[in-house]
N, C-alpha and C. Protein backbone atom coordinates (compact mmCIF):
# COMPACT_ATOMS: atom_id res chain seq x y z
N MET A 1 0.81 -1.21 0.00
CA MET A 1 0.00 0.00 0.00
C MET A 1 0.86 1.27 0.00
N ALA A 2 1.99 1.22 0.67
CA ALA A 2 2.88 2.38 0.65
C ALA A 2 3.34 2.67 -0.76
N ASP A 3 3.50 1.61 -1.57
CA ASP A 3 3.91 1.78 -2.96
C ASP A 3 2.84 2.54 -3.75
N LEU A 4 1.57 2.28 -3.47
CA LEU A 4 0.50 3.00 -4.16
C LEU A 4 0.54 4.48 -3.83
N ARG A 5 0.76 4.81 -2.59
CA ARG A 5 0.86 6.21 -2.18
C ARG A 5 2.03 6.88 -2.88
N ARG A 6 3.17 6.18 -2.92
CA ARG A 6 4.36 6.76 -3.55
C ARG A 6 4.13 6.98 -5.04
N ARG A 7 3.52 6.01 -5.71
CA ARG A 7 3.28 6.15 -7.15
C ARG A 7 2.36 7.33 -7.44
N SER A 8 1.36 7.54 -6.60
CA SER A 8 0.46 8.68 -6.80
C SER A 8 1.21 10.00 -6.66
N GLU A 9 2.03 10.11 -5.65
CA GLU A 9 2.78 11.34 -5.44
C GLU A 9 3.84 11.53 -6.52
N ASP A 10 4.48 10.43 -6.96
CA ASP A 10 5.46 10.53 -8.04
C ASP A 10 4.81 10.99 -9.34
N ALA A 11 3.52 10.68 -9.51
CA ALA A 11 2.80 11.10 -10.72
C ALA A 11 2.33 12.54 -10.63
N GLY A 12 2.62 13.20 -9.52
CA GLY A 12 2.27 14.61 -9.37
C GLY A 12 0.90 14.87 -8.79
N LEU A 13 0.25 13.83 -8.26
CA LEU A 13 -1.05 14.03 -7.64
C LEU A 13 -0.89 14.72 -6.29
N PRO A 14 -1.88 15.48 -5.86
CA PRO A 14 -1.76 16.16 -4.56
C PRO A 14 -1.57 15.14 -3.44
N PRO A 15 -0.75 15.47 -2.44
CA PRO A 15 -0.49 14.53 -1.33
C PRO A 15 -1.61 14.54 -0.30
N ILE A 16 -2.82 14.22 -0.75
CA ILE A 16 -3.99 14.30 0.14
C ILE A 16 -4.70 12.95 0.26
N THR A 17 -3.98 11.88 -0.07
CA THR A 17 -4.53 10.54 0.11
C THR A 17 -4.87 10.31 1.58
N VAL A 18 -5.91 9.53 1.84
CA VAL A 18 -6.24 9.23 3.24
C VAL A 18 -5.04 8.58 3.92
N PRO A 19 -4.81 8.87 5.20
CA PRO A 19 -3.69 8.23 5.91
C PRO A 19 -3.95 6.74 6.09
N PRO A 20 -2.88 5.97 6.32
CA PRO A 20 -3.04 4.51 6.45
C PRO A 20 -4.07 4.09 7.49
N LEU A 21 -4.15 4.80 8.62
CA LEU A 21 -5.11 4.43 9.65
C LEU A 21 -6.55 4.56 9.14
N VAL A 22 -6.83 5.62 8.39
CA VAL A 22 -8.17 5.79 7.83
C VAL A 22 -8.43 4.74 6.76
N GLY A 23 -7.40 4.42 5.97
CA GLY A 23 -7.56 3.35 4.99
C GLY A 23 -7.90 2.02 5.65
N ARG A 24 -7.22 1.74 6.74
CA ARG A 24 -7.51 0.51 7.49
C ARG A 24 -8.94 0.54 8.05
N LEU A 25 -9.36 1.70 8.53
CA LEU A 25 -10.72 1.85 9.04
C LEU A 25 -11.75 1.59 7.94
N LEU A 26 -11.49 2.09 6.74
CA LEU A 26 -12.42 1.85 5.63
C LEU A 26 -12.56 0.36 5.33
N THR A 27 -11.44 -0.34 5.28
CA THR A 27 -11.48 -1.78 5.04
C THR A 27 -12.28 -2.48 6.12
N LEU A 28 -12.02 -2.11 7.36
CA LEU A 28 -12.72 -2.72 8.49
C LEU A 28 -14.23 -2.46 8.43
N LEU A 29 -14.61 -1.22 8.12
CA LEU A 29 -16.03 -0.87 8.09
C LEU A 29 -16.78 -1.59 6.97
N VAL A 30 -16.16 -1.68 5.81
CA VAL A 30 -16.81 -2.42 4.71
C VAL A 30 -16.97 -3.87 5.10
N ARG A 31 -15.92 -4.44 5.67
CA ARG A 31 -15.99 -5.85 6.08
C ARG A 31 -17.03 -6.06 7.18
N ALA A 32 -17.06 -5.17 8.17
CA ALA A 32 -17.97 -5.33 9.30
C ALA A 32 -19.43 -5.18 8.89
N THR A 33 -19.70 -4.29 7.93
CA THR A 33 -21.08 -4.07 7.50
C THR A 33 -21.54 -5.10 6.47
N GLY A 34 -20.59 -5.82 5.87
CA GLY A 34 -20.96 -6.77 4.82
C GLY A 34 -21.41 -6.10 3.55
N ALA A 35 -21.02 -4.85 3.34
CA ALA A 35 -21.46 -4.09 2.17
C ALA A 35 -21.03 -4.77 0.87
N ARG A 36 -21.96 -4.88 -0.06
CA ARG A 36 -21.66 -5.47 -1.36
C ARG A 36 -21.55 -4.42 -2.46
N GLU A 37 -22.25 -3.30 -2.28
CA GLU A 37 -22.21 -2.21 -3.25
C GLU A 37 -21.69 -0.97 -2.54
N VAL A 38 -20.49 -0.54 -2.92
CA VAL A 38 -19.81 0.57 -2.26
C VAL A 38 -19.63 1.70 -3.26
N LEU A 39 -19.91 2.93 -2.84
CA LEU A 39 -19.72 4.11 -3.68
C LEU A 39 -18.69 5.02 -3.05
N GLU A 40 -17.74 5.48 -3.87
CA GLU A 40 -16.74 6.45 -3.42
C GLU A 40 -16.82 7.69 -4.31
N VAL A 41 -16.85 8.86 -3.69
CA VAL A 41 -16.80 10.12 -4.43
C VAL A 41 -15.44 10.74 -4.16
N GLY A 42 -14.58 10.75 -5.18
CA GLY A 42 -13.23 11.28 -5.05
C GLY A 42 -12.19 10.18 -5.02
N THR A 43 -11.76 9.74 -6.20
CA THR A 43 -10.85 8.59 -6.30
C THR A 43 -9.40 8.97 -6.02
N LEU A 44 -8.98 10.13 -6.52
CA LEU A 44 -7.58 10.56 -6.52
C LEU A 44 -6.73 9.45 -7.15
N GLY A 45 -5.76 8.90 -6.44
CA GLY A 45 -4.88 7.88 -7.02
C GLY A 45 -5.34 6.46 -6.78
N GLY A 46 -6.50 6.28 -6.17
CA GLY A 46 -7.06 4.94 -6.01
C GLY A 46 -6.73 4.25 -4.70
N TYR A 47 -5.98 4.90 -3.82
CA TYR A 47 -5.58 4.24 -2.56
C TYR A 47 -6.79 3.84 -1.74
N SER A 48 -7.71 4.78 -1.52
CA SER A 48 -8.88 4.46 -0.70
C SER A 48 -9.80 3.48 -1.40
N ALA A 49 -9.86 3.52 -2.73
CA ALA A 49 -10.67 2.53 -3.45
C ALA A 49 -10.13 1.12 -3.23
N VAL A 50 -8.81 1.00 -3.19
CA VAL A 50 -8.20 -0.31 -2.89
C VAL A 50 -8.57 -0.75 -1.48
N CYS A 51 -8.50 0.18 -0.53
CA CYS A 51 -8.87 -0.16 0.86
C CYS A 51 -10.32 -0.62 0.93
N LEU A 52 -11.21 0.07 0.24
CA LEU A 52 -12.62 -0.31 0.22
C LEU A 52 -12.80 -1.68 -0.42
N ALA A 53 -12.15 -1.89 -1.55
CA ALA A 53 -12.30 -3.16 -2.27
C ALA A 53 -11.80 -4.34 -1.45
N ARG A 54 -10.78 -4.12 -0.65
CA ARG A 54 -10.23 -5.22 0.15
C ARG A 54 -11.16 -5.66 1.28
N GLY A 55 -12.16 -4.85 1.58
CA GLY A 55 -13.13 -5.25 2.58
C GLY A 55 -14.36 -5.94 2.02
N LEU A 56 -14.47 -6.01 0.70
CA LEU A 56 -15.68 -6.55 0.06
C LEU A 56 -15.81 -8.06 0.25
N PRO A 57 -17.04 -8.54 0.31
CA PRO A 57 -17.26 -9.99 0.24
C PRO A 57 -17.16 -10.44 -1.21
N PRO A 58 -17.10 -11.73 -1.48
CA PRO A 58 -17.09 -12.21 -2.87
C PRO A 58 -18.29 -11.66 -3.63
N GLY A 59 -18.03 -11.17 -4.83
CA GLY A 59 -19.10 -10.61 -5.65
C GLY A 59 -19.39 -9.15 -5.39
N GLY A 60 -18.71 -8.55 -4.41
CA GLY A 60 -18.93 -7.14 -4.10
C GLY A 60 -18.26 -6.23 -5.11
N ARG A 61 -18.68 -4.96 -5.11
CA ARG A 61 -18.16 -4.02 -6.11
C ARG A 61 -18.05 -2.63 -5.51
N VAL A 62 -16.97 -1.93 -5.87
CA VAL A 62 -16.79 -0.52 -5.55
C VAL A 62 -17.01 0.28 -6.83
N THR A 63 -17.82 1.32 -6.75
CA THR A 63 -17.95 2.29 -7.84
C THR A 63 -17.33 3.58 -7.34
N THR A 64 -16.31 4.06 -8.04
CA THR A 64 -15.59 5.25 -7.59
C THR A 64 -15.63 6.32 -8.67
N ILE A 65 -15.78 7.57 -8.25
CA ILE A 65 -15.98 8.71 -9.16
C ILE A 65 -14.78 9.64 -9.07
N GLU A 66 -14.23 10.00 -10.24
CA GLU A 66 -13.11 10.93 -10.30
C GLU A 66 -13.32 11.92 -11.44
N ARG A 67 -13.21 13.19 -11.13
CA ARG A 67 -13.41 14.25 -12.13
C ARG A 67 -12.18 14.45 -13.00
N GLU A 68 -11.00 14.38 -12.41
CA GLU A 68 -9.77 14.71 -13.14
C GLU A 68 -9.27 13.49 -13.91
N GLU A 69 -9.11 13.64 -15.21
CA GLU A 69 -8.70 12.51 -16.05
C GLU A 69 -7.31 12.00 -15.67
N ARG A 70 -6.40 12.91 -15.33
CA ARG A 70 -5.04 12.48 -14.96
C ARG A 70 -5.07 11.65 -13.68
N HIS A 71 -5.87 12.07 -12.72
CA HIS A 71 -6.00 11.30 -11.49
C HIS A 71 -6.60 9.92 -11.79
N ALA A 72 -7.62 9.90 -12.65
CA ALA A 72 -8.28 8.64 -12.98
C ALA A 72 -7.32 7.66 -13.64
N ALA A 73 -6.43 8.18 -14.50
CA ALA A 73 -5.47 7.30 -15.17
C ALA A 73 -4.50 6.68 -14.17
N VAL A 74 -4.02 7.49 -13.22
CA VAL A 74 -3.14 6.96 -12.18
C VAL A 74 -3.89 5.94 -11.33
N ALA A 75 -5.13 6.26 -10.98
CA ALA A 75 -5.93 5.34 -10.17
C ALA A 75 -6.14 4.01 -10.88
N ALA A 76 -6.46 4.05 -12.17
CA ALA A 76 -6.69 2.81 -12.91
C ALA A 76 -5.46 1.92 -12.87
N ALA A 77 -4.27 2.53 -13.03
CA ALA A 77 -3.04 1.74 -12.98
C ALA A 77 -2.82 1.17 -11.58
N ASN A 78 -3.10 1.97 -10.55
CA ASN A 78 -2.92 1.49 -9.18
C ASN A 78 -3.90 0.37 -8.83
N LEU A 79 -5.11 0.47 -9.33
CA LEU A 79 -6.10 -0.60 -9.08
C LEU A 79 -5.64 -1.91 -9.70
N ARG A 80 -5.06 -1.82 -10.89
CA ARG A 80 -4.53 -3.04 -11.54
C ARG A 80 -3.37 -3.60 -10.73
N ARG A 81 -2.46 -2.75 -10.30
CA ARG A 81 -1.30 -3.22 -9.53
C ARG A 81 -1.73 -3.87 -8.22
N ALA A 82 -2.78 -3.35 -7.63
CA ALA A 82 -3.24 -3.89 -6.34
C ALA A 82 -4.09 -5.15 -6.51
N GLY A 83 -4.41 -5.50 -7.75
CA GLY A 83 -5.17 -6.71 -8.01
C GLY A 83 -6.65 -6.61 -7.70
N VAL A 84 -7.20 -5.38 -7.72
CA VAL A 84 -8.63 -5.21 -7.41
C VAL A 84 -9.41 -4.59 -8.56
N ALA A 85 -8.79 -4.44 -9.72
CA ALA A 85 -9.45 -3.77 -10.84
C ALA A 85 -10.75 -4.45 -11.23
N ASP A 86 -10.84 -5.76 -11.04
CA ASP A 86 -12.06 -6.48 -11.40
C ASP A 86 -13.20 -6.22 -10.43
N ARG A 87 -12.90 -5.58 -9.29
CA ARG A 87 -13.93 -5.29 -8.28
C ARG A 87 -14.24 -3.80 -8.18
N VAL A 88 -13.61 -3.00 -9.03
CA VAL A 88 -13.78 -1.55 -8.94
C VAL A 88 -14.20 -1.00 -10.30
N GLU A 89 -15.30 -0.27 -10.32
CA GLU A 89 -15.76 0.44 -11.51
C GLU A 89 -15.38 1.90 -11.36
N LEU A 90 -14.54 2.40 -12.26
CA LEU A 90 -14.06 3.78 -12.20
C LEU A 90 -14.89 4.63 -13.16
N ARG A 91 -15.66 5.55 -12.59
CA ARG A 91 -16.51 6.43 -13.39
C ARG A 91 -15.86 7.80 -13.44
N ARG A 92 -15.66 8.31 -14.66
CA ARG A 92 -15.00 9.60 -14.86
C ARG A 92 -16.04 10.69 -15.10
N GLY A 93 -15.80 11.86 -14.47
CA GLY A 93 -16.68 12.99 -14.70
C GLY A 93 -16.97 13.74 -13.41
N PRO A 94 -17.61 14.92 -13.53
CA PRO A 94 -17.99 15.68 -12.34
C PRO A 94 -18.91 14.87 -11.44
N ALA A 95 -18.68 14.95 -10.15
CA ALA A 95 -19.40 14.07 -9.22
C ALA A 95 -20.90 14.22 -9.33
N ARG A 96 -21.40 15.46 -9.39
CA ARG A 96 -22.85 15.63 -9.41
C ARG A 96 -23.47 14.99 -10.65
N GLU A 97 -22.77 15.09 -11.78
CA GLU A 97 -23.30 14.48 -13.00
C GLU A 97 -23.30 12.96 -12.90
N VAL A 98 -22.23 12.40 -12.37
CA VAL A 98 -22.14 10.94 -12.26
C VAL A 98 -23.14 10.43 -11.23
N LEU A 99 -23.30 11.14 -10.12
CA LEU A 99 -24.28 10.74 -9.11
C LEU A 99 -25.69 10.73 -9.69
N ALA A 100 -26.00 11.75 -10.49
CA ALA A 100 -27.32 11.80 -11.13
C ALA A 100 -27.50 10.64 -12.10
N ALA A 101 -26.43 10.31 -12.84
CA ALA A 101 -26.49 9.18 -13.77
C ALA A 101 -26.71 7.87 -13.02
N LEU A 102 -26.03 7.70 -11.90
CA LEU A 102 -26.21 6.47 -11.11
C LEU A 102 -27.65 6.35 -10.61
N GLU A 103 -28.25 7.48 -10.23
CA GLU A 103 -29.64 7.42 -9.79
C GLU A 103 -30.56 7.04 -10.94
N ARG A 104 -30.31 7.60 -12.13
CA ARG A 104 -31.13 7.24 -13.30
C ARG A 104 -31.00 5.76 -13.62
N GLU A 105 -29.82 5.21 -13.37
CA GLU A 105 -29.59 3.78 -13.64
C GLU A 105 -30.23 2.88 -12.58
N GLY A 106 -30.76 3.49 -11.53
CA GLY A 106 -31.39 2.70 -10.47
C GLY A 106 -30.41 2.05 -9.51
N ARG A 107 -29.17 2.56 -9.46
CA ARG A 107 -28.17 1.98 -8.58
C ARG A 107 -28.45 2.35 -7.13
N ARG A 108 -28.14 1.43 -6.21
CA ARG A 108 -28.28 1.67 -4.79
C ARG A 108 -27.07 1.08 -4.07
N PHE A 109 -26.67 1.71 -2.98
CA PHE A 109 -25.42 1.36 -2.33
C PHE A 109 -25.61 1.10 -0.84
N ASP A 110 -24.76 0.19 -0.33
CA ASP A 110 -24.77 -0.17 1.09
C ASP A 110 -23.78 0.65 1.91
N PHE A 111 -22.81 1.27 1.22
CA PHE A 111 -21.71 1.97 1.89
C PHE A 111 -21.29 3.09 0.96
N LEU A 112 -21.18 4.31 1.48
CA LEU A 112 -20.85 5.47 0.66
C LEU A 112 -19.73 6.25 1.34
N PHE A 113 -18.66 6.53 0.58
CA PHE A 113 -17.50 7.23 1.12
C PHE A 113 -17.29 8.52 0.35
N LEU A 114 -17.27 9.63 1.05
CA LEU A 114 -17.11 10.95 0.45
C LEU A 114 -15.75 11.52 0.82
N ASP A 115 -14.96 11.83 -0.21
CA ASP A 115 -13.65 12.45 -0.01
C ASP A 115 -13.32 13.27 -1.25
N ALA A 116 -14.17 14.25 -1.51
CA ALA A 116 -14.05 15.04 -2.74
C ALA A 116 -13.85 16.51 -2.37
N ASP A 117 -14.25 17.43 -3.27
CA ASP A 117 -14.08 18.86 -3.03
C ASP A 117 -14.92 19.29 -1.83
N LYS A 118 -14.25 19.82 -0.85
CA LYS A 118 -14.88 20.07 0.45
C LYS A 118 -15.96 21.15 0.37
N GLU A 119 -15.79 22.13 -0.51
CA GLU A 119 -16.78 23.19 -0.62
C GLU A 119 -18.16 22.64 -0.95
N ASN A 120 -18.20 21.51 -1.67
CA ASN A 120 -19.47 20.95 -2.12
C ASN A 120 -19.94 19.75 -1.30
N TYR A 121 -19.30 19.48 -0.18
CA TYR A 121 -19.70 18.32 0.63
C TYR A 121 -21.20 18.31 0.90
N SER A 122 -21.73 19.43 1.41
CA SER A 122 -23.15 19.45 1.77
C SER A 122 -24.03 19.34 0.54
N ALA A 123 -23.55 19.84 -0.61
CA ALA A 123 -24.33 19.74 -1.85
C ALA A 123 -24.44 18.30 -2.32
N TYR A 124 -23.45 17.48 -1.99
CA TYR A 124 -23.48 16.06 -2.39
C TYR A 124 -24.40 15.22 -1.50
N LEU A 125 -24.75 15.73 -0.33
CA LEU A 125 -25.43 14.89 0.65
C LEU A 125 -26.76 14.34 0.14
N ASP A 126 -27.61 15.19 -0.41
CA ASP A 126 -28.91 14.70 -0.88
C ASP A 126 -28.76 13.67 -1.99
N ALA A 127 -27.79 13.90 -2.89
CA ALA A 127 -27.56 12.94 -3.97
C ALA A 127 -27.10 11.60 -3.42
N LEU A 128 -26.26 11.62 -2.40
CA LEU A 128 -25.80 10.37 -1.79
C LEU A 128 -26.95 9.65 -1.08
N LEU A 129 -27.79 10.41 -0.39
CA LEU A 129 -28.91 9.78 0.30
C LEU A 129 -29.89 9.15 -0.69
N ALA A 130 -30.04 9.76 -1.86
CA ALA A 130 -30.93 9.19 -2.87
C ALA A 130 -30.41 7.85 -3.38
N LEU A 131 -29.11 7.62 -3.24
CA LEU A 131 -28.49 6.38 -3.72
C LEU A 131 -28.28 5.35 -2.61
N ALA A 132 -28.60 5.73 -1.39
CA ALA A 132 -28.31 4.87 -0.23
C ALA A 132 -29.50 3.97 0.09
N ARG A 133 -29.20 2.71 0.32
CA ARG A 133 -30.22 1.80 0.83
C ARG A 133 -30.46 2.11 2.32
N PRO A 134 -31.67 1.85 2.83
CA PRO A 134 -31.87 1.97 4.28
C PRO A 134 -30.87 1.08 5.02
N GLY A 135 -30.24 1.65 6.03
CA GLY A 135 -29.22 0.92 6.77
C GLY A 135 -27.82 1.11 6.23
N ALA A 136 -27.69 1.82 5.11
CA ALA A 136 -26.36 2.07 4.54
C ALA A 136 -25.52 2.92 5.49
N LEU A 137 -24.20 2.78 5.37
CA LEU A 137 -23.28 3.59 6.16
C LEU A 137 -22.65 4.64 5.26
N LEU A 138 -22.76 5.90 5.66
CA LEU A 138 -22.14 7.02 4.97
C LEU A 138 -20.91 7.45 5.77
N VAL A 139 -19.77 7.55 5.09
CA VAL A 139 -18.51 7.92 5.73
C VAL A 139 -17.92 9.10 4.97
N ALA A 140 -17.42 10.09 5.68
CA ALA A 140 -16.79 11.25 5.04
C ALA A 140 -15.47 11.56 5.72
N ASP A 141 -14.44 11.79 4.89
CA ASP A 141 -13.12 12.14 5.41
C ASP A 141 -13.00 13.66 5.57
N ASN A 142 -12.02 14.09 6.34
CA ASN A 142 -11.70 15.51 6.56
C ASN A 142 -12.83 16.26 7.26
N ALA A 143 -13.57 15.58 8.12
CA ALA A 143 -14.71 16.21 8.78
C ALA A 143 -14.30 17.26 9.82
N LEU A 144 -13.04 17.26 10.22
CA LEU A 144 -12.54 18.31 11.12
C LEU A 144 -11.77 19.40 10.36
N TRP A 145 -11.34 19.06 9.16
CA TRP A 145 -10.60 19.99 8.29
C TRP A 145 -9.51 20.72 9.07
N HIS A 146 -8.55 19.93 9.54
CA HIS A 146 -7.39 20.47 10.27
C HIS A 146 -7.83 21.26 11.50
N ASP A 147 -8.95 20.86 12.10
CA ASP A 147 -9.54 21.50 13.28
C ASP A 147 -10.09 22.90 12.99
N ARG A 148 -10.11 23.29 11.72
CA ARG A 148 -10.57 24.65 11.39
C ARG A 148 -12.08 24.79 11.54
N VAL A 149 -12.83 23.68 11.42
CA VAL A 149 -14.29 23.79 11.59
C VAL A 149 -14.67 24.16 13.02
N LEU A 150 -13.74 23.96 13.95
CA LEU A 150 -14.00 24.29 15.35
C LEU A 150 -13.80 25.77 15.66
N ASP A 151 -13.25 26.50 14.70
CA ASP A 151 -12.99 27.93 14.89
C ASP A 151 -14.11 28.73 14.23
N PRO A 152 -15.02 29.32 15.00
CA PRO A 152 -16.16 30.02 14.40
C PRO A 152 -15.77 31.25 13.60
N THR A 153 -14.54 31.75 13.78
CA THR A 153 -14.10 32.92 13.02
C THR A 153 -13.54 32.53 11.66
N ASP A 154 -13.34 31.24 11.41
CA ASP A 154 -12.77 30.79 10.13
C ASP A 154 -13.89 30.71 9.10
N ARG A 155 -13.89 31.64 8.15
CA ARG A 155 -14.93 31.70 7.12
C ARG A 155 -14.40 31.34 5.74
N ASP A 156 -13.29 30.64 5.71
CA ASP A 156 -12.77 30.16 4.43
C ASP A 156 -13.83 29.29 3.75
N PRO A 157 -14.01 29.40 2.41
CA PRO A 157 -15.05 28.62 1.74
C PRO A 157 -14.94 27.11 1.95
N THR A 158 -13.72 26.60 2.01
CA THR A 158 -13.56 25.16 2.24
C THR A 158 -13.99 24.79 3.66
N THR A 159 -13.55 25.59 4.63
CA THR A 159 -13.95 25.34 6.01
C THR A 159 -15.47 25.43 6.15
N GLU A 160 -16.06 26.43 5.54
CA GLU A 160 -17.51 26.59 5.61
C GLU A 160 -18.24 25.41 4.98
N GLY A 161 -17.69 24.90 3.87
CA GLY A 161 -18.31 23.75 3.22
C GLY A 161 -18.32 22.52 4.10
N VAL A 162 -17.20 22.26 4.77
CA VAL A 162 -17.13 21.10 5.67
C VAL A 162 -18.03 21.33 6.88
N ARG A 163 -18.03 22.56 7.41
CA ARG A 163 -18.87 22.86 8.58
C ARG A 163 -20.35 22.66 8.25
N ARG A 164 -20.79 23.13 7.09
CA ARG A 164 -22.19 22.93 6.70
C ARG A 164 -22.53 21.45 6.60
N PHE A 165 -21.60 20.67 6.06
CA PHE A 165 -21.82 19.23 5.94
C PHE A 165 -21.95 18.58 7.31
N ASP A 166 -21.03 18.90 8.21
CA ASP A 166 -21.08 18.32 9.55
C ASP A 166 -22.40 18.65 10.24
N GLU A 167 -22.84 19.90 10.10
CA GLU A 167 -24.10 20.31 10.72
C GLU A 167 -25.28 19.59 10.09
N ALA A 168 -25.24 19.41 8.77
CA ALA A 168 -26.33 18.70 8.08
C ALA A 168 -26.40 17.25 8.54
N LEU A 169 -25.24 16.61 8.72
CA LEU A 169 -25.24 15.23 9.21
C LEU A 169 -25.88 15.15 10.59
N ALA A 170 -25.55 16.09 11.45
CA ALA A 170 -26.05 16.05 12.82
C ALA A 170 -27.55 16.29 12.90
N ARG A 171 -28.09 17.04 11.94
CA ARG A 171 -29.50 17.45 12.03
C ARG A 171 -30.42 16.70 11.09
N HIS A 172 -29.87 15.96 10.14
CA HIS A 172 -30.72 15.34 9.12
C HIS A 172 -31.62 14.28 9.75
N PRO A 173 -32.92 14.28 9.43
CA PRO A 173 -33.83 13.33 10.06
C PRO A 173 -33.62 11.88 9.66
N ARG A 174 -32.87 11.64 8.55
CA ARG A 174 -32.64 10.26 8.12
C ARG A 174 -31.27 9.73 8.53
N LEU A 175 -30.54 10.50 9.32
CA LEU A 175 -29.17 10.10 9.65
C LEU A 175 -28.97 10.01 11.15
N PHE A 176 -28.25 8.98 11.55
CA PHE A 176 -27.79 8.82 12.94
C PHE A 176 -26.27 8.84 12.86
N SER A 177 -25.64 9.91 13.36
CA SER A 177 -24.24 10.16 13.02
C SER A 177 -23.37 10.41 14.24
N LEU A 178 -22.06 10.30 13.99
CA LEU A 178 -21.05 10.72 14.96
C LEU A 178 -19.79 11.08 14.19
N LEU A 179 -18.90 11.80 14.86
CA LEU A 179 -17.64 12.22 14.26
C LEU A 179 -16.50 11.63 15.06
N LEU A 180 -15.65 10.86 14.39
CA LEU A 180 -14.50 10.24 15.05
C LEU A 180 -13.26 11.11 14.87
N PRO A 181 -12.50 11.38 15.94
CA PRO A 181 -11.27 12.15 15.82
C PRO A 181 -10.12 11.26 15.34
N VAL A 182 -10.29 10.69 14.17
CA VAL A 182 -9.28 9.83 13.55
C VAL A 182 -8.75 10.55 12.32
N GLY A 183 -7.44 10.61 12.16
CA GLY A 183 -6.88 11.34 11.03
C GLY A 183 -7.32 12.80 11.10
N ASP A 184 -7.92 13.28 10.01
CA ASP A 184 -8.42 14.65 9.95
C ASP A 184 -9.91 14.71 10.27
N GLY A 185 -10.40 13.69 10.98
CA GLY A 185 -11.81 13.62 11.33
C GLY A 185 -12.57 12.77 10.33
N VAL A 186 -13.21 11.72 10.82
CA VAL A 186 -14.02 10.84 9.97
C VAL A 186 -15.45 10.89 10.49
N ALA A 187 -16.36 11.35 9.64
CA ALA A 187 -17.78 11.37 10.00
C ALA A 187 -18.42 10.07 9.57
N LEU A 188 -19.24 9.50 10.44
CA LEU A 188 -19.98 8.28 10.15
C LEU A 188 -21.46 8.55 10.35
N ALA A 189 -22.30 8.03 9.46
CA ALA A 189 -23.74 8.19 9.62
C ALA A 189 -24.45 6.98 9.04
N VAL A 190 -25.37 6.43 9.81
CA VAL A 190 -26.24 5.36 9.33
C VAL A 190 -27.46 6.00 8.71
N VAL A 191 -27.79 5.57 7.50
CA VAL A 191 -28.97 6.08 6.80
C VAL A 191 -30.17 5.26 7.24
N THR A 192 -31.14 5.93 7.84
CA THR A 192 -32.31 5.24 8.35
C THR A 192 -33.54 5.61 7.52
N ALA A 193 -34.61 4.85 7.68
CA ALA A 193 -35.91 5.31 7.21
C ALA A 193 -36.31 6.48 8.10
N ALA A 194 -37.05 7.44 7.55
CA ALA A 194 -37.34 8.67 8.28
C ALA A 194 -37.94 8.40 9.65
N ALA A 195 -38.81 7.41 9.73
CA ALA A 195 -39.48 7.14 11.01
C ALA A 195 -38.54 6.52 12.03
N ASP A 196 -37.40 5.98 11.55
CA ASP A 196 -36.48 5.29 12.45
C ASP A 196 -35.35 6.17 12.95
N ALA A 197 -35.25 7.40 12.45
CA ALA A 197 -34.12 8.25 12.81
C ALA A 197 -34.12 8.51 14.31
N ALA A 198 -32.93 8.42 14.89
CA ALA A 198 -32.81 8.60 16.34
C ALA A 198 -32.95 10.07 16.70
N PRO A 199 -33.53 10.40 17.85
CA PRO A 199 -33.62 11.79 18.27
C PRO A 199 -32.25 12.34 18.61
N ALA A 200 -32.11 13.66 18.50
CA ALA A 200 -30.83 14.31 18.82
C ALA A 200 -30.56 14.21 20.32
């Protein structure tokens, strides 16, 4: 796995891959939930997609979305090197467009991982919920954003985007959520039927 991280950075991709501990957590969560259909928004070099794929049961599949063609090319090569290319579908294009296409196709997912452009985190939430089966687990990286979301004076657009997402998770009637102080903050939320959502 360290080789995958190095190859991504050698290819000039931003050094923003999830840390190994978060990668291990993703594998564990997929395995623990028994998820067969996994969706990732934000492939980058494919490291987290490999972690997700390694938690799948036989016959499971990861669908991962990447907007940047150069990133997608590096990811495709890394998926092949890791031996999981047959379990990962790489969809290229802007996330909102691909998410809408997946909904038109009638796709539904047991596990959803968000690690894309932070300004639009909250904008992706409704699209992800439309694709989530009841009981699905939604996971988002960078939920603390270098602890900047805790500073009410920080009005940077990226910080504001993550803060809006965190608040939406906490208040959404279909989500039962918590935030883990792992890495840069990992948000977890179980997607419930509206009547089953836990009270705040």
